[in-house]
Structures are given as structure tokens and as C-alpha cells.
């Protein structure tokens, strides 16, 4: 599958497309980025999942859930556009979604298993997407997008958040919340 051209995605998604490596197709990048996520997050102590690098910021578990939500929404858009649906799809406000999400009873392991199921679904969708279907344009959030653009946006979004997790959450040698953080409900 070829990479998207300008006009196949909303201008604000170019940020995620710029995060992509210069080479690599959608399928290997979907597989590779998920393996990287598993390596980065799979062996963290469970208490680390509630860590926030600053007050009011999402916890590690919330970031993972956001990645799951984003991929699900974009995979639905891909399917809709592949099937040449002419109905414009709504946007989604990640902050509203996170306000309504509850990760308190979730574990990192559980979230990673769910994310793997979602990623496997995205890969199945990619495997059935023909080159012709990959260029069909649909509308979401008032912007035209192609399935191929959305596949690569999922990957770029994933890379962006993994880099952010590395830099803001896991860059310290001590990423375990302090007793003070736990008392403050951080």
C-alpha cells in the first residue's frame, strides 16, 4: 500500500504522518510499533500504570486506553471508507472520551491484551484493503480522508505517543508513583 498524498487527510494529521519512519509499509509498521509498545510497557510494575508525570495529565493506563480508542475509531473510519459509504462520520473529542473512561479496575496487562486485539483487527482490515479501496475518500470530522492515510495516521499517532511515554513518563529511573502522589490521587 502506497503512502498517502496531500488531500487524502486532514492537515492536522500531517503531524502524525511526519512521525513515521521514511521507509516501511503499513503492515510491517503496524506489527513493529505494537512489538515496541509491548517491550516498552509489558514489564512495567502495575503500580506504574497510574503514574502521571504532572497533575491533571493522563496516567499511563489512560494513554494506553486513548491509543486503543483512537485506533478503534480510525479503523471504523477505514472500514466505512473502504465500503464507499457516503455518510460523513463525526469526530471524537479525546478529552470527553477520557472523562467518561474508567481505568481504575484495569491492569496494564489487560489493556495491552485489549490493544493487541484491536491491532490484530486493524491488521485484518489492512490485509483485505485493495489498492483501489485504499484511495477511496470518505469524510470524518468534516475532512476528506482515504483508508491508506488513516492506516498510516494510526501508526504515526502510535509512534507519537510511544515517544511521549518514553520522554515524559519513563525517562526517569523512578517512574513509580511516590506515596505522596498516591495520597493526592494523582
Foldseek 3Di string as FASTA:
>chain_A
DDADDPQQDDPVLVLLLVLDDPDDALLVLLVVLLVVVCVVQVPDPQLLQCFDLDPPGHGVVLLLVLLLVLLVVLLVVQVCQLVVPADAAEDDDSVVVSVPDDCPVPTSVRSSVSSVVSSVVSSVSVVPRDPVQQRRWYHYNRGTHGSSNSSSSSSSVSSVSVVVCCPRQVVDVDNRDDPVCVVVVD
